[in-house]
Amino acid sequence: TPGTGTVIAALGDGPAPSADVRARVTDLGND
């Protein structure tokens, strides 16, 4: 499913607000 792996990897460094997750995951749009 698009984004699943990259979002999980982006949260691997610890808790983050959605804005930080969006900044880390550059292959998907914000929505």
All heavy atoms as atom14 arrays in JSON, in Angstrom:
{
  "sequence": "TPGTGTVIAALGDGPAPSADVRARVTDLGND",
  "atom14_mask": [
    [1, 1, 1, 1, 1, 1, 1, 0, 0, 0, 0, 0, 0, 0],
    [1, 1, 1, 1, 1, 1, 1, 0, 0, 0, 0, 0, 0, 0],
    [1, 1, 1, 1, 0, 0, 0, 0, 0, 0, 0, 0, 0, 0],
    [1, 1, 1, 1, 1, 1, 1, 0, 0, 0, 0, 0, 0, 0],
    [1, 1, 1, 1, 0, 0, 0, 0, 0, 0, 0, 0, 0, 0],
    [1, 1, 1, 1, 1, 1, 1, 0, 0, 0, 0, 0, 0, 0],
    [1, 1, 1, 1, 1, 1, 1, 0, 0, 0, 0, 0, 0, 0],
    [1, 1, 1, 1, 1, 1, 1, 1, 0, 0, 0, 0, 0, 0],
    [1, 1, 1, 1, 1, 0, 0, 0, 0, 0, 0, 0, 0, 0],
    [1, 1, 1, 1, 1, 0, 0, 0, 0, 0, 0, 0, 0, 0],
    [1, 1, 1, 1, 1, 1, 1, 1, 0, 0, 0, 0, 0, 0],
    [1, 1, 1, 1, 0, 0, 0, 0, 0, 0, 0, 0, 0, 0],
    [1, 1, 1, 1, 1, 1, 1, 1, 0, 0, 0, 0, 0, 0],
    [1, 1, 1, 1, 0, 0, 0, 0, 0, 0, 0, 0, 0, 0],
    [1, 1, 1, 1, 1, 1, 1, 0, 0, 0, 0, 0, 0, 0],
    [1, 1, 1, 1, 1, 0, 0, 0, 0, 0, 0, 0, 0, 0],
    [1, 1, 1, 1, 1, 1, 1, 0, 0, 0, 0, 0, 0, 0],
    [1, 1, 1, 1, 1, 1, 0, 0, 0, 0, 0, 0, 0, 0],
    [1, 1, 1, 1, 1, 0, 0, 0, 0, 0, 0, 0, 0, 0],
    [1, 1, 1, 1, 1, 1, 1, 1, 0, 0, 0, 0, 0, 0],
    [1, 1, 1, 1, 1, 1, 1, 0, 0, 0, 0, 0, 0, 0],
    [1, 1, 1, 1, 1, 1, 1, 1, 1, 1, 1, 0, 0, 0],
    [1, 1, 1, 1, 1, 0, 0, 0, 0, 0, 0, 0, 0, 0],
    [1, 1, 1, 1, 1, 1, 1, 1, 1, 1, 1, 0, 0, 0],
    [1, 1, 1, 1, 1, 1, 1, 0, 0, 0, 0, 0, 0, 0],
    [1, 1, 1, 1, 1, 1, 1, 0, 0, 0, 0, 0, 0, 0],
    [1, 1, 1, 1, 1, 1, 1, 1, 0, 0, 0, 0, 0, 0],
    [1, 1, 1, 1, 1, 1, 1, 1, 0, 0, 0, 0, 0, 0],
    [1, 1, 1, 1, 0, 0, 0, 0, 0, 0, 0, 0, 0, 0],
    [1, 1, 1, 1, 1, 1, 1, 1, 0, 0, 0, 0, 0, 0],
    [1, 1, 1, 1, 1, 1, 1, 1, 0, 0, 0, 0, 0, 0]
  ],
  "atom14_positions": [
    [[0.86, -1.18, 0.0], [0.0, 0.0, 0.0], [0.9, 1.24, 0.0], [1.81, 1.34, 0.83], [-0.91, 0.0, 1.25], [-1.67, -1.21, 1.26], [-1.84, 1.19, 1.25], [0.0, 0.0, 0.0], [0.0, 0.0, 0.0], [0.0, 0.0, 0.0], [0.0, 0.0, 0.0], [0.0, 0.0, 0.0], [0.0, 0.0, 0.0], [0.0, 0.0, 0.0]],
    [[0.68, 2.15, -0.93], [1.56, 3.33, -1.02], [1.74, 4.04, 0.32], [0.76, 4.36, 0.99], [0.85, 4.22, -2.04], [0.07, 3.27, -2.89], [-0.37, 2.19, -1.94], [0.0, 0.0, 0.0], [0.0, 0.0, 0.0], [0.0, 0.0, 0.0], [0.0, 0.0, 0.0], [0.0, 0.0, 0.0], [0.0, 0.0, 0.0], [0.0, 0.0, 0.0]],
    [[2.97, 4.26, 0.66], [3.31, 5.01, 1.86], [3.53, 4.19, 3.11], [4.19, 4.65, 4.03], [0.0, 0.0, 0.0], [0.0, 0.0, 0.0], [0.0, 0.0, 0.0], [0.0, 0.0, 0.0], [0.0, 0.0, 0.0], [0.0, 0.0, 0.0], [0.0, 0.0, 0.0], [0.0, 0.0, 0.0], [0.0, 0.0, 0.0], [0.0, 0.0, 0.0]],
    [[3.0, 2.98, 3.17], [3.09, 2.21, 4.41], [4.54, 2.05, 4.87], [4.87, 2.41, 6.0], [2.44, 0.82, 4.24], [1.05, 1.01, 3.97], [2.61, -0.02, 5.48], [0.0, 0.0, 0.0], [0.0, 0.0, 0.0], [0.0, 0.0, 0.0], [0.0, 0.0, 0.0], [0.0, 0.0, 0.0], [0.0, 0.0, 0.0], [0.0, 0.0, 0.0]],
    [[5.38, 1.53, 4.02], [6.77, 1.3, 4.42], [7.52, 2.57, 4.74], [8.26, 2.65, 5.72], [0.0, 0.0, 0.0], [0.0, 0.0, 0.0], [0.0, 0.0, 0.0], [0.0, 0.0, 0.0], [0.0, 0.0, 0.0], [0.0, 0.0, 0.0], [0.0, 0.0, 0.0], [0.0, 0.0, 0.0], [0.0, 0.0, 0.0], [0.0, 0.0, 0.0]],
    [[7.32, 3.61, 3.92], [8.06, 4.85, 4.15], [7.56, 5.59, 5.39], [8.36, 6.18, 6.11], [8.0, 5.77, 2.91], [6.65, 5.94, 2.51], [8.81, 5.2, 1.77], [0.0, 0.0, 0.0], [0.0, 0.0, 0.0], [0.0, 0.0, 0.0], [0.0, 0.0, 0.0], [0.0, 0.0, 0.0], [0.0, 0.0, 0.0], [0.0, 0.0, 0.0]],
    [[6.27, 5.54, 5.65], [5.75, 6.19, 6.87], [6.24, 5.44, 8.11], [6.67, 6.07, 9.09], [4.21, 6.29, 6.84], [3.66, 6.69, 8.19], [3.78, 7.31, 5.78], [0.0, 0.0, 0.0], [0.0, 0.0, 0.0], [0.0, 0.0, 0.0], [0.0, 0.0, 0.0], [0.0, 0.0, 0.0], [0.0, 0.0, 0.0], [0.0, 0.0, 0.0]],
    [[6.21, 4.12, 8.07], [6.73, 3.36, 9.21], [8.21, 3.64, 9.41], [8.66, 3.88, 10.54], [6.44, 1.86, 9.04], [4.94, 1.61, 9.21], [7.25, 1.02, 10.03], [4.5, 0.2, 8.9], [0.0, 0.0, 0.0], [0.0, 0.0, 0.0], [0.0, 0.0, 0.0], [0.0, 0.0, 0.0], [0.0, 0.0, 0.0], [0.0, 0.0, 0.0]],
    [[8.97, 3.67, 8.33], [10.4, 3.99, 8.44], [10.61, 5.4, 8.98], [11.51, 5.63, 9.79], [11.07, 3.83, 7.08], [0.0, 0.0, 0.0], [0.0, 0.0, 0.0], [0.0, 0.0, 0.0], [0.0, 0.0, 0.0], [0.0, 0.0, 0.0], [0.0, 0.0, 0.0], [0.0, 0.0, 0.0], [0.0, 0.0, 0.0], [0.0, 0.0, 0.0]],
    [[9.77, 6.35, 8.55], [9.89, 7.73, 9.02], [9.64, 7.85, 10.52], [10.19, 8.72, 11.18], [8.93, 8.64, 8.26], [0.0, 0.0, 0.0], [0.0, 0.0, 0.0], [0.0, 0.0, 0.0], [0.0, 0.0, 0.0], [0.0, 0.0, 0.0], [0.0, 0.0, 0.0], [0.0, 0.0, 0.0], [0.0, 0.0, 0.0], [0.0, 0.0, 0.0]],
    [[8.81, 6.96, 11.05], [8.54, 6.97, 12.49], [9.54, 6.11, 13.27], [9.44, 6.03, 14.49], [7.11, 6.49, 12.76], [6.02, 7.46, 12.32], [4.65, 6.8, 12.41], [6.07, 8.73, 13.16], [0.0, 0.0, 0.0], [0.0, 0.0, 0.0], [0.0, 0.0, 0.0], [0.0, 0.0, 0.0], [0.0, 0.0, 0.0], [0.0, 0.0, 0.0]],
    [[10.48, 5.51, 12.58], [11.48, 4.67, 13.24], [12.37, 5.41, 14.2], [12.93, 4.8, 15.12], [0.0, 0.0, 0.0], [0.0, 0.0, 0.0], [0.0, 0.0, 0.0], [0.0, 0.0, 0.0], [0.0, 0.0, 0.0], [0.0, 0.0, 0.0], [0.0, 0.0, 0.0], [0.0, 0.0, 0.0], [0.0, 0.0, 0.0], [0.0, 0.0, 0.0]],
    [[12.52, 6.71, 14.02], [13.37, 7.51, 14.92], [12.63, 7.96, 16.16], [13.23, 8.59, 17.03], [13.92, 8.73, 14.18], [14.94, 8.35, 13.12], [15.58, 7.3, 13.26], [15.07, 9.12, 12.15], [0.0, 0.0, 0.0], [0.0, 0.0, 0.0], [0.0, 0.0, 0.0], [0.0, 0.0, 0.0], [0.0, 0.0, 0.0], [0.0, 0.0, 0.0]],
    [[11.34, 7.71, 16.22], [10.57, 8.09, 17.4], [9.34, 8.88, 17.03], [9.1, 9.19, 15.87], [0.0, 0.0, 0.0], [0.0, 0.0, 0.0], [0.0, 0.0, 0.0], [0.0, 0.0, 0.0], [0.0, 0.0, 0.0], [0.0, 0.0, 0.0], [0.0, 0.0, 0.0], [0.0, 0.0, 0.0], [0.0, 0.0, 0.0], [0.0, 0.0, 0.0]],
    [[8.53, 9.22, 18.05], [7.27, 9.94, 17.82], [7.51, 11.26, 17.09], [8.53, 11.92, 17.27], [6.74, 10.19, 19.23], [7.41, 9.16, 20.08], [8.75, 8.94, 19.46], [0.0, 0.0, 0.0], [0.0, 0.0, 0.0], [0.0, 0.0, 0.0], [0.0, 0.0, 0.0], [0.0, 0.0, 0.0], [0.0, 0.0, 0.0], [0.0, 0.0, 0.0]],
    [[6.54, 11.6, 16.24], [6.66, 12.84, 15.47], [5.28, 13.38, 15.15], [4.34, 12.6, 14.96], [7.43, 12.57, 14.17], [0.0, 0.0, 0.0], [0.0, 0.0, 0.0], [0.0, 0.0, 0.0], [0.0, 0.0, 0.0], [0.0, 0.0, 0.0], [0.0, 0.0, 0.0], [0.0, 0.0, 0.0], [0.0, 0.0, 0.0], [0.0, 0.0, 0.0]],
    [[5.15, 14.7, 15.07], [3.88, 15.27, 14.59], [3.74, 14.98, 13.1], [4.73, 14.72, 12.41], [4.03, 16.77, 14.87], [5.49, 17.01, 15.01], [6.11, 15.73, 15.46], [0.0, 0.0, 0.0], [0.0, 0.0, 0.0], [0.0, 0.0, 0.0], [0.0, 0.0, 0.0], [0.0, 0.0, 0.0], [0.0, 0.0, 0.0], [0.0, 0.0, 0.0]],
    [[2.52, 15.07, 12.61], [2.29, 14.73, 11.2], [3.1, 15.62, 10.26], [3.54, 15.15, 9.21], [0.81, 14.78, 10.86], [0.3, 16.08, 11.05], [0.0, 0.0, 0.0], [0.0, 0.0, 0.0], [0.0, 0.0, 0.0], [0.0, 0.0, 0.0], [0.0, 0.0, 0.0], [0.0, 0.0, 0.0], [0.0, 0.0, 0.0], [0.0, 0.0, 0.0]],
    [[3.34, 16.87, 10.62], [4.13, 17.76, 9.76], [5.54, 17.21, 9.57], [6.1, 17.27, 8.47], [4.18, 19.17, 10.35], [0.0, 0.0, 0.0], [0.0, 0.0, 0.0], [0.0, 0.0, 0.0], [0.0, 0.0, 0.0], [0.0, 0.0, 0.0], [0.0, 0.0, 0.0], [0.0, 0.0, 0.0], [0.0, 0.0, 0.0], [0.0, 0.0, 0.0]],
    [[6.13, 16.66, 10.63], [7.47, 16.08, 10.51], [7.45, 14.82, 9.66], [8.35, 14.57, 8.87], [8.05, 15.76, 11.89], [8.44, 17.01, 12.67], [8.3, 18.13, 12.14], [8.89, 16.85, 13.83], [0.0, 0.0, 0.0], [0.0, 0.0, 0.0], [0.0, 0.0, 0.0], [0.0, 0.0, 0.0], [0.0, 0.0, 0.0], [0.0, 0.0, 0.0]],
    [[6.41, 14.01, 9.84], [6.29, 12.79, 9.03], [6.15, 13.18, 7.56], [6.81, 12.61, 6.68], [5.11, 11.91, 9.48], [4.96, 10.69, 8.59], [5.27, 11.49, 10.94], [0.0, 0.0, 0.0], [0.0, 0.0, 0.0], [0.0, 0.0, 0.0], [0.0, 0.0, 0.0], [0.0, 0.0, 0.0], [0.0, 0.0, 0.0], [0.0, 0.0, 0.0]],
    [[5.32, 14.18, 7.26], [5.14, 14.64, 5.88], [6.46, 15.13, 5.29], [6.76, 14.89, 4.13], [4.09, 15.73, 5.8], [2.67, 15.22, 6.02], [1.62, 16.26, 5.67], [1.84, 17.58, 6.24], [1.34, 18.01, 7.4], [0.57, 17.2, 8.13], [1.59, 19.22, 7.84], [0.0, 0.0, 0.0], [0.0, 0.0, 0.0], [0.0, 0.0, 0.0]],
    [[7.27, 15.81, 6.11], [8.56, 16.32, 5.63], [9.54, 15.18, 5.34], [10.36, 15.27, 4.43], [9.16, 17.28, 6.65], [0.0, 0.0, 0.0], [0.0, 0.0, 0.0], [0.0, 0.0, 0.0], [0.0, 0.0, 0.0], [0.0, 0.0, 0.0], [0.0, 0.0, 0.0], [0.0, 0.0, 0.0], [0.0, 0.0, 0.0], [0.0, 0.0, 0.0]],
    [[9.45, 14.09, 6.1], [10.35, 12.95, 5.92], [9.94, 12.07, 4.73], [10.79, 11.43, 4.12], [10.37, 12.08, 7.18], [10.94, 12.77, 8.39], [10.79, 11.9, 9.61], [11.08, 12.63, 10.82], [10.87, 12.16, 12.04], [10.37, 10.95, 12.21], [11.15, 12.89, 13.1], [0.0, 0.0, 0.0], [0.0, 0.0, 0.0], [0.0, 0.0, 0.0]],
    [[8.66, 12.02, 4.45], [8.16, 11.14, 3.38], [7.94, 11.99, 2.14], [6.89, 12.59, 1.96], [6.85, 10.44, 3.83], [6.31, 9.56, 2.71], [7.07, 9.63, 5.09], [0.0, 0.0, 0.0], [0.0, 0.0, 0.0], [0.0, 0.0, 0.0], [0.0, 0.0, 0.0], [0.0, 0.0, 0.0], [0.0, 0.0, 0.0], [0.0, 0.0, 0.0]],
    [[8.93, 12.03, 1.3], [8.9, 12.92, 0.15], [8.27, 12.29, -1.09], [8.04, 12.98, -2.07], [10.31, 13.4, -0.2], [11.13, 12.25, -0.47], [10.91, 14.2, 0.96], [0.0, 0.0, 0.0], [0.0, 0.0, 0.0], [0.0, 0.0, 0.0], [0.0, 0.0, 0.0], [0.0, 0.0, 0.0], [0.0, 0.0, 0.0], [0.0, 0.0, 0.0]],
    [[7.99, 10.98, -1.05], [7.43, 10.33, -2.24], [5.91, 10.34, -2.27], [5.31, 9.81, -3.19], [7.96, 8.9, -2.38], [7.59, 8.01, -1.22], [7.45, 8.51, -0.09], [7.45, 6.79, -1.42], [0.0, 0.0, 0.0], [0.0, 0.0, 0.0], [0.0, 0.0, 0.0], [0.0, 0.0, 0.0], [0.0, 0.0, 0.0], [0.0, 0.0, 0.0]],
    [[5.27, 10.94, -1.26], [3.81, 11.04, -1.2], [3.4, 12.48, -0.96], [4.13, 13.24, -0.31], [3.25, 10.21, -0.05], [3.36, 8.7, -0.13], [2.82, 8.08, 1.16], [2.59, 8.15, -1.31], [0.0, 0.0, 0.0], [0.0, 0.0, 0.0], [0.0, 0.0, 0.0], [0.0, 0.0, 0.0], [0.0, 0.0, 0.0], [0.0, 0.0, 0.0]],
    [[2.22, 12.85, -1.41], [1.67, 14.16, -1.12], [1.21, 14.22, 0.33], [1.03, 13.2, 1.0], [0.0, 0.0, 0.0], [0.0, 0.0, 0.0], [0.0, 0.0, 0.0], [0.0, 0.0, 0.0], [0.0, 0.0, 0.0], [0.0, 0.0, 0.0], [0.0, 0.0, 0.0], [0.0, 0.0, 0.0], [0.0, 0.0, 0.0], [0.0, 0.0, 0.0]],
    [[1.01, 15.43, 0.83], [0.62, 15.62, 2.23], [-0.67, 14.88, 2.59], [-0.76, 14.26, 3.63], [0.47, 17.11, 2.54], [1.81, 17.82, 2.55], [2.86, 17.19, 2.65], [1.77, 19.12, 2.45], [0.0, 0.0, 0.0], [0.0, 0.0, 0.0], [0.0, 0.0, 0.0], [0.0, 0.0, 0.0], [0.0, 0.0, 0.0], [0.0, 0.0, 0.0]],
    [[-1.68, 14.96, 1.73], [-2.95, 14.28, 2.01], [-2.76, 12.77, 2.05], [-3.37, 12.08, 2.86], [-4.01, 14.64, 0.96], [-4.47, 16.08, 1.08], [-4.23, 16.71, 2.13], [-5.08, 16.58, 0.11], [0.0, 0.0, 0.0], [0.0, 0.0, 0.0], [0.0, 0.0, 0.0], [0.0, 0.0, 0.0], [0.0, 0.0, 0.0], [0.0, 0.0, 0.0]]
  ]
}
